[in-house]
PDB file of N, CA and C in Angstrom:
ATOM      1  N   UNK A   1      27.298 -31.662  29.937  1.00  0.00           N
ATOM      2  CA  UNK A   1      26.260 -31.912  28.928  1.00  0.00           C
ATOM      3  C   UNK A   1      25.020 -31.058  29.226  1.00  0.00           C
ATOM      4  N   UNK A   2      24.530 -31.179  30.463  1.00  0.00           N
ATOM      5  CA  UNK A   2      23.327 -30.433  30.821  1.00  0.00           C
ATOM      6  C   UNK A   2      23.598 -28.929  30.804  1.00  0.00           C
ATOM      7  N   UNK A   3      24.836 -28.567  31.224  1.00  0.00           N
ATOM      8  CA  UNK A   3      25.170 -27.143  31.276  1.00  0.00           C
ATOM      9  C   UNK A   3      25.195 -26.533  29.867  1.00  0.00           C
ATOM     10  N   UNK A   4      25.693 -27.246  28.889  1.00  0.00           N
ATOM     11  CA  UNK A   4      25.754 -26.717  27.515  1.00  0.00           C
ATOM     12  C   UNK A   4      24.329 -26.537  26.958  1.00  0.00           C
ATOM     13  N   UNK A   5      23.419 -27.438  27.338  1.00  0.00           N
ATOM     14  CA  UNK A   5      22.026 -27.288  26.909  1.00  0.00           C
ATOM     15  C   UNK A   5      21.447 -25.995  27.487  1.00  0.00           C
ATOM     16  N   UNK A   6      21.742 -25.732  28.747  1.00  0.00           N
ATOM     17  CA  UNK A   6      21.274 -24.514  29.404  1.00  0.00           C
ATOM     18  C   UNK A   6      21.793 -23.298  28.653  1.00  0.00           C
ATOM     19  N   UNK A   7      23.098 -23.321  28.293  1.00  0.00           N
ATOM     20  CA  UNK A   7      23.693 -22.189  27.576  1.00  0.00           C
ATOM     21  C   UNK A   7      23.014 -21.978  26.236  1.00  0.00           C
ATOM     22  N   UNK A   8      22.695 -23.072  25.559  1.00  0.00           N
ATOM     23  CA  UNK A   8      22.037 -22.949  24.266  1.00  0.00           C
ATOM     24  C   UNK A   8      20.664 -22.294  24.432  1.00  0.00           C
ATOM     25  N   UNK A   9      19.945 -22.689  25.477  1.00  0.00           N
ATOM     26  CA  UNK A   9      18.623 -22.099  25.710  1.00  0.00           C
ATOM     27  C   UNK A   9      18.748 -20.616  26.028  1.00  0.00           C
ATOM     28  N   UNK A  10      19.750 -20.277  26.861  1.00  0.00           N
ATOM     29  CA  UNK A  10      19.963 -18.866  27.188  1.00  0.00           C
ATOM     30  C   UNK A  10      20.291 -18.082  25.922  1.00  0.00           C
ATOM     31  N   UNK A  11      21.084 -18.704  25.052  1.00  0.00           N
ATOM     32  CA  UNK A  11      21.508 -18.037  23.824  1.00  0.00           C
ATOM     33  C   UNK A  11      20.303 -17.834  22.895  1.00  0.00           C
ATOM     34  N   UNK A  12      19.401 -18.799  22.890  1.00  0.00           N
ATOM     35  CA  UNK A  12      18.236 -18.714  22.003  1.00  0.00           C
ATOM     36  C   UNK A  12      17.214 -17.705  22.536  1.00  0.00           C
ATOM     37  N   UNK A  13      17.248 -17.434  23.830  1.00  0.00           N
ATOM     38  CA  UNK A  13      16.255 -16.564  24.452  1.00  0.00           C
ATOM     39  C   UNK A  13      16.111 -15.195  23.825  1.00  0.00           C
ATOM     40  N   UNK A  14      17.168 -14.358  23.848  1.00  0.00           N
ATOM     41  CA  UNK A  14      17.036 -13.001  23.327  1.00  0.00           C
ATOM     42  C   UNK A  14      16.647 -12.955  21.844  1.00  0.00           C
ATOM     43  N   UNK A  15      17.129 -13.947  21.094  1.00  0.00           N
ATOM     44  CA  UNK A  15      16.821 -13.946  19.658  1.00  0.00           C
ATOM     45  C   UNK A  15      15.327 -14.111  19.425  1.00  0.00           C
ATOM     46  N   UNK A  16      14.722 -15.050  20.130  1.00  0.00           N
ATOM     47  CA  UNK A  16      13.287 -15.276  19.940  1.00  0.00           C
ATOM     48  C   UNK A  16      12.500 -14.078  20.475  1.00  0.00           C
ATOM     49  N   UNK A  17      13.059 -13.391  21.472  1.00  0.00           N
ATOM     50  CA  UNK A  17      12.368 -12.222  22.017  1.00  0.00           C
ATOM     51  C   UNK A  17      12.390 -11.068  21.021  1.00  0.00           C
ATOM     52  N   UNK A  18      13.515 -10.876  20.320  1.00  0.00           N
ATOM     53  CA  UNK A  18      13.651  -9.717  19.435  1.00  0.00           C
ATOM     54  C   UNK A  18      12.984  -9.935  18.078  1.00  0.00           C
ATOM     55  N   UNK A  19      12.668 -11.171  17.741  1.00  0.00           N
ATOM     56  CA  UNK A  19      12.081 -11.434  16.432  1.00  0.00           C
ATOM     57  C   UNK A  19      10.690 -10.813  16.237  1.00  0.00           C
ATOM     58  N   UNK A  20       9.770 -10.956  17.187  1.00  0.00           N
ATOM     59  CA  UNK A  20       8.424 -10.404  16.964  1.00  0.00           C
ATOM     60  C   UNK A  20       8.430  -8.906  16.670  1.00  0.00           C
ATOM     61  N   UNK A  21       9.276  -8.140  17.375  1.00  0.00           N
ATOM     62  CA  UNK A  21       9.290  -6.695  17.146  1.00  0.00           C
ATOM     63  C   UNK A  21       9.753  -6.399  15.720  1.00  0.00           C
ATOM     64  N   UNK A  22      10.747  -7.151  15.240  1.00  0.00           N
ATOM     65  CA  UNK A  22      11.217  -6.960  13.863  1.00  0.00           C
ATOM     66  C   UNK A  22      10.093  -7.285  12.893  1.00  0.00           C
ATOM     67  N   UNK A  23       9.380  -8.362  13.195  1.00  0.00           N
ATOM     68  CA  UNK A  23       8.270  -8.763  12.329  1.00  0.00           C
ATOM     69  C   UNK A  23       7.188  -7.682  12.338  1.00  0.00           C
ATOM     70  N   UNK A  24       6.940  -7.116  13.514  1.00  0.00           N
ATOM     71  CA  UNK A  24       5.925  -6.074  13.656  1.00  0.00           C
ATOM     72  C   UNK A  24       6.311  -4.841  12.839  1.00  0.00           C
ATOM     73  N   UNK A  25       7.599  -4.435  12.953  1.00  0.00           N
ATOM     74  CA  UNK A  25       8.074  -3.285  12.178  1.00  0.00           C
ATOM     75  C   UNK A  25       7.909  -3.539  10.695  1.00  0.00           C
ATOM     76  N   UNK A  26       8.206  -4.757  10.272  1.00  0.00           N
ATOM     77  CA  UNK A  26       8.075  -5.123   8.864  1.00  0.00           C
ATOM     78  C   UNK A  26       6.624  -4.990   8.431  1.00  0.00           C
ATOM     79  N   UNK A  27       5.721  -5.456   9.292  1.00  0.00           N
ATOM     80  CA  UNK A  27       4.295  -5.388   8.977  1.00  0.00           C
ATOM     81  C   UNK A  27       3.854  -3.934   8.859  1.00  0.00           C
ATOM     82  N   UNK A  28       4.334  -3.094   9.802  1.00  0.00           N
ATOM     83  CA  UNK A  28       3.971  -1.664   9.781  1.00  0.00           C
ATOM     84  C   UNK A  28       4.485  -1.028   8.501  1.00  0.00           C
ATOM     85  N   UNK A  29       5.734  -1.355   8.116  1.00  0.00           N
ATOM     86  CA  UNK A  29       6.332  -0.790   6.919  1.00  0.00           C
ATOM     87  C   UNK A  29       5.524  -1.196   5.691  1.00  0.00           C
ATOM     88  N   UNK A  30       5.147  -2.486   5.647  1.00  0.00           N
ATOM     89  CA  UNK A  30       4.374  -2.980   4.514  1.00  0.00           C
ATOM     90  C   UNK A  30       3.013  -2.282   4.460  1.00  0.00           C
ATOM     91  N   UNK A  31       2.400  -2.103   5.649  1.00  0.00           N
ATOM     92  CA  UNK A  31       1.085  -1.468   5.714  1.00  0.00           C
ATOM     93  C   UNK A  31       1.166  -0.034   5.206  1.00  0.00           C
ATOM     94  N   UNK A  32       2.228   0.675   5.617  1.00  0.00           N
ATOM     95  CA  UNK A  32       2.385   2.073   5.201  1.00  0.00           C
ATOM     96  C   UNK A  32       2.562   2.175   3.698  1.00  0.00           C
ATOM     97  N   UNK A  33       3.400   1.300   3.132  1.00  0.00           N
ATOM     98  CA  UNK A  33       3.621   1.360   1.684  1.00  0.00           C
ATOM     99  C   UNK A  33       2.328   0.994   0.957  1.00  0.00           C
ATOM    100  N   UNK A  34       1.556   0.073   1.550  1.00  0.00           N
ATOM    101  CA  UNK A  34       0.277  -0.307   0.947  1.00  0.00           C
ATOM    102  C   UNK A  34      -0.679   0.881   0.973  1.00  0.00           C
ATOM    103  N   UNK A  35      -0.670   1.618   2.084  1.00  0.00           N
ATOM    104  CA  UNK A  35      -1.521   2.797   2.211  1.00  0.00           C
ATOM    105  C   UNK A  35      -1.171   3.810   1.128  1.00  0.00           C
ATOM    106  N   UNK A  36       0.139   4.047   0.932  1.00  0.00           N
ATOM    107  CA  UNK A  36       0.596   4.983  -0.092  1.00  0.00           C
ATOM    108  C   UNK A  36       0.083   4.537  -1.452  1.00  0.00           C
ATOM    109  N   UNK A  37       0.228   3.254  -1.725  1.00  0.00           N
ATOM    110  CA  UNK A  37      -0.224   2.688  -2.994  1.00  0.00           C
ATOM    111  C   UNK A  37      -1.713   2.952  -3.176  1.00  0.00           C
ATOM    112  N   UNK A  38      -2.473   2.711  -2.115  1.00  0.00           N
ATOM    113  CA  UNK A  38      -3.924   2.879  -2.172  1.00  0.00           C
ATOM    114  C   UNK A  38      -4.284   4.330  -2.504  1.00  0.00           C
ATOM    115  N   UNK A  39      -3.603   5.267  -1.835  1.00  0.00           N
ATOM    116  CA  UNK A  39      -3.876   6.692  -2.067  1.00  0.00           C
ATOM    117  C   UNK A  39      -3.562   7.061  -3.516  1.00  0.00           C
ATOM    118  N   UNK A  40      -2.415   6.564  -3.999  1.00  0.00           N
ATOM    119  CA  UNK A  40      -2.029   6.856  -5.378  1.00  0.00           C
ATOM    120  C   UNK A  40      -3.038   6.266  -6.345  1.00  0.00           C
ATOM    121  N   UNK A  41      -3.522   5.064  -6.044  1.00  0.00           N
ATOM    122  CA  UNK A  41      -4.484   4.404  -6.916  1.00  0.00           C
ATOM    123  C   UNK A  41      -5.789   5.195  -6.969  1.00  0.00           C
ATOM    124  N   UNK A  42      -6.222   5.689  -5.811  1.00  0.00           N
ATOM    125  CA  UNK A  42      -7.459   6.485  -5.756  1.00  0.00           C
ATOM    126  C   UNK A  42      -7.282   7.754  -6.597  1.00  0.00           C
ATOM    127  N   UNK A  43      -6.107   8.400  -6.454  1.00  0.00           N
ATOM    128  CA  UNK A  43      -5.823   9.600  -7.249  1.00  0.00           C
ATOM    129  C   UNK A  43      -5.843   9.261  -8.729  1.00  0.00           C
ATOM    130  N   UNK A  44      -5.229   8.123  -9.057  1.00  0.00           N
ATOM    131  CA  UNK A  44      -5.152   7.686 -10.451  1.00  0.00           C
ATOM    132  C   UNK A  44      -6.553   7.461 -11.011  1.00  0.00           C
ATOM    133  N   UNK A  45      -7.414   6.824 -10.218  1.00  0.00           N
ATOM    134  CA  UNK A  45      -8.785   6.564 -10.659  1.00  0.00           C
ATOM    135  C   UNK A  45      -9.533   7.875 -10.895  1.00  0.00           C
ATOM    136  N   UNK A  46      -9.348   8.826  -9.995  1.00  0.00           N
ATOM    137  CA  UNK A  46      -9.997  10.130 -10.139  1.00  0.00           C
ATOM    138  C   UNK A  46      -9.514  10.802 -11.421  1.00  0.00           C
ATOM    139  N   UNK A  47      -8.191  10.724 -11.663  1.00  0.00           N
ATOM    140  CA  UNK A  47      -7.607  11.300 -12.879  1.00  0.00           C
ATOM    141  C   UNK A  47      -8.212  10.657 -14.113  1.00  0.00           C
ATOM    142  N   UNK A  48      -8.331   9.342 -14.063  1.00  0.00           N
ATOM    143  CA  UNK A  48      -8.860   8.607 -15.208  1.00  0.00           C
ATOM    144  C   UNK A  48     -10.310   9.015 -15.487  1.00  0.00           C
ATOM    145  N   UNK A  49     -11.089   9.115 -14.424  1.00  0.00           N
ATOM    146  CA  UNK A  49     -12.493   9.508 -14.568  1.00  0.00           C
ATOM    147  C   UNK A  49     -12.566  10.900 -15.199  1.00  0.00           C
ATOM    148  N   UNK A  50     -11.719  11.810 -14.716  1.00  0.00           N
ATOM    149  CA  UNK A  50     -11.672  13.178 -15.240  1.00  0.00           C
ATOM    150  C   UNK A  50     -11.326  13.162 -16.730  1.00  0.00           C
ATOM    151  N   UNK A  51     -10.317  12.347 -17.062  1.00  0.00           N
ATOM    152  CA  UNK A  51      -9.861  12.268 -18.451  1.00  0.00           C
ATOM    153  C   UNK A  51     -10.975  11.730 -19.354  1.00  0.00           C
ATOM    154  N   UNK A  52     -11.647  10.689 -18.873  1.00  0.00           N
ATOM    155  CA  UNK A  52     -12.745  10.103 -19.653  1.00  0.00           C
ATOM    156  C   UNK A  52     -13.858  11.124 -19.852  1.00  0.00           C
ATOM    157  N   UNK A  53     -14.153  11.867 -18.795  1.00  0.00           N
ATOM    158  CA  UNK A  53     -15.194  12.894 -18.865  1.00  0.00           C
ATOM    159  C   UNK A  53     -14.830  13.939 -19.916  1.00  0.00           C
ATOM    160  N   UNK A  54     -13.575  14.402 -19.881  1.00  0.00           N
ATOM    161  CA  UNK A  54     -13.119  15.405 -20.841  1.00  0.00           C
ATOM    162  C   UNK A  54     -13.164  14.837 -22.257  1.00  0.00           C
ATOM    163  N   UNK A  55     -12.821  13.558 -22.364  1.00  0.00           N
ATOM    164  CA  UNK A  55     -12.819  12.916 -23.679  1.00  0.00           C
ATOM    165  C   UNK A  55     -14.236  12.863 -24.265  1.00  0.00           C
ATOM    166  N   UNK A  56     -15.208  12.482 -23.449  1.00  0.00           N
ATOM    167  CA  UNK A  56     -16.605  12.420 -23.930  1.00  0.00           C
ATOM    168  C   UNK A  56     -17.084  13.829 -24.289  1.00  0.00           C
ATOM    169  N   UNK A  57     -16.654  14.814 -23.494  1.00  0.00           N
ATOM    170  CA  UNK A  57     -17.026  16.206 -23.801  1.00  0.00           C
ATOM    171  C   UNK A  57     -16.479  16.622 -25.158  1.00  0.00           C
ATOM    172  N   UNK A  58     -15.204  16.255 -25.413  1.00  0.00           N
ATOM    173  CA  UNK A  58     -14.565  16.577 -26.687  1.00  0.00           C
ATOM    174  C   UNK A  58     -15.320  15.936 -27.841  1.00  0.00           C
ATOM    175  N   UNK A  59     -15.654  14.668 -27.666  1.00  0.00           N
ATOM    176  CA  UNK A  59     -16.390  13.950 -28.721  1.00  0.00           C
ATOM    177  C   UNK A  59     -17.720  14.635 -29.003  1.00  0.00           C
ATOM    178  N   UNK A  60     -18.407  15.041 -27.943  1.00  0.00           N
ATOM    179  CA  UNK A  60     -19.701  15.705 -28.100  1.00  0.00           C
ATOM    180  C   UNK A  60     -19.542  17.052 -28.803  1.00  0.00           C
ATOM    181  N   UNK A  61     -18.435  17.767 -28.474  1.00  0.00           N
ATOM    182  CA  UNK A  61     -18.180  19.053 -29.128  1.00  0.00           C
ATOM    183  C   UNK A  61     -17.912  18.850 -30.611  1.00  0.00           C
ATOM    184  N   UNK A  62     -17.149  17.793 -30.938  1.00  0.00           N
ATOM    185  CA  UNK A  62     -16.848  17.502 -32.345  1.00  0.00           C
ATOM    186  C   UNK A  62     -18.129  17.200 -33.122  1.00  0.00           C
ATOM    187  N   UNK A  63     -19.063  16.499 -32.451  1.00  0.00           N
ATOM    188  CA  UNK A  63     -20.329  16.155 -33.113  1.00  0.00           C
ATOM    189  C   UNK A  63     -21.251  17.368 -33.205  1.00  0.00           C
ATOM    190  N   UNK A  64     -20.989  18.361 -32.365  1.00  0.00           N
ATOM    191  CA  UNK A  64     -21.825  19.554 -32.404  1.00  0.00           C
ATOM    192  C   UNK A  64     -22.790  19.631 -31.240  1.00  0.00           C
ATOM    193  N   UNK A  65     -22.717  18.655 -30.327  1.00  0.00           N
ATOM    194  CA  UNK A  65     -23.589  18.697 -29.142  1.00  0.00           C
ATOM    195  C   UNK A  65     -22.792  19.258 -27.985  1.00  0.00           C
ATOM    196  N   UNK A  66     -23.212  20.382 -27.457  1.00  0.00           N
ATOM    197  CA  UNK A  66     -22.531  20.944 -26.298  1.00  0.00           C
ATOM    198  C   UNK A  66     -23.327  20.563 -25.059  1.00  0.00           C
ATOM    199  N   UNK A  67     -22.820  19.573 -24.342  1.00  0.00           N
ATOM    200  CA  UNK A  67     -23.526  19.093 -23.152  1.00  0.00           C
ATOM    201  C   UNK A  67     -22.563  19.114 -21.975  1.00  0.00           C
ATOM    202  N   UNK A  68     -22.879  19.902 -20.981  1.00  0.00           N
ATOM    203  CA  UNK A  68     -22.067  19.921 -19.768  1.00  0.00           C
ATOM    204  C   UNK A  68     -22.872  19.262 -18.659  1.00  0.00           C
ATOM    205  N   UNK A  69     -22.533  18.029 -18.378  1.00  0.00           N
ATOM    206  CA  UNK A  69     -23.328  17.266 -17.402  1.00  0.00           C
ATOM    207  C   UNK A  69     -22.731  17.324 -16.009  1.00  0.00           C
ATOM    208  N   UNK A  70     -21.999  18.418 -15.735  1.00  0.00           N
ATOM    209  CA  UNK A  70     -21.427  18.506 -14.385  1.00  0.00           C
ATOM    210  C   UNK A  70     -22.415  19.184 -13.476  1.00  0.00           C
TER     211      UNK A  70
END
């Protein structure tokens, strides 16, 4: 009885040891994908700002006001 309990504890040992590293890798992977997302979002925002700027310029040209506020 006592010996089987010992075996169970020994069996549980390596599993609990290897879990944190897997969790850590998962966290790193998630962080990296989040970083990629963030970079893409920043690029997207810059693109949007550029597009809006060009759009306002177009509107001003249509009205006859040539204003370059860069």
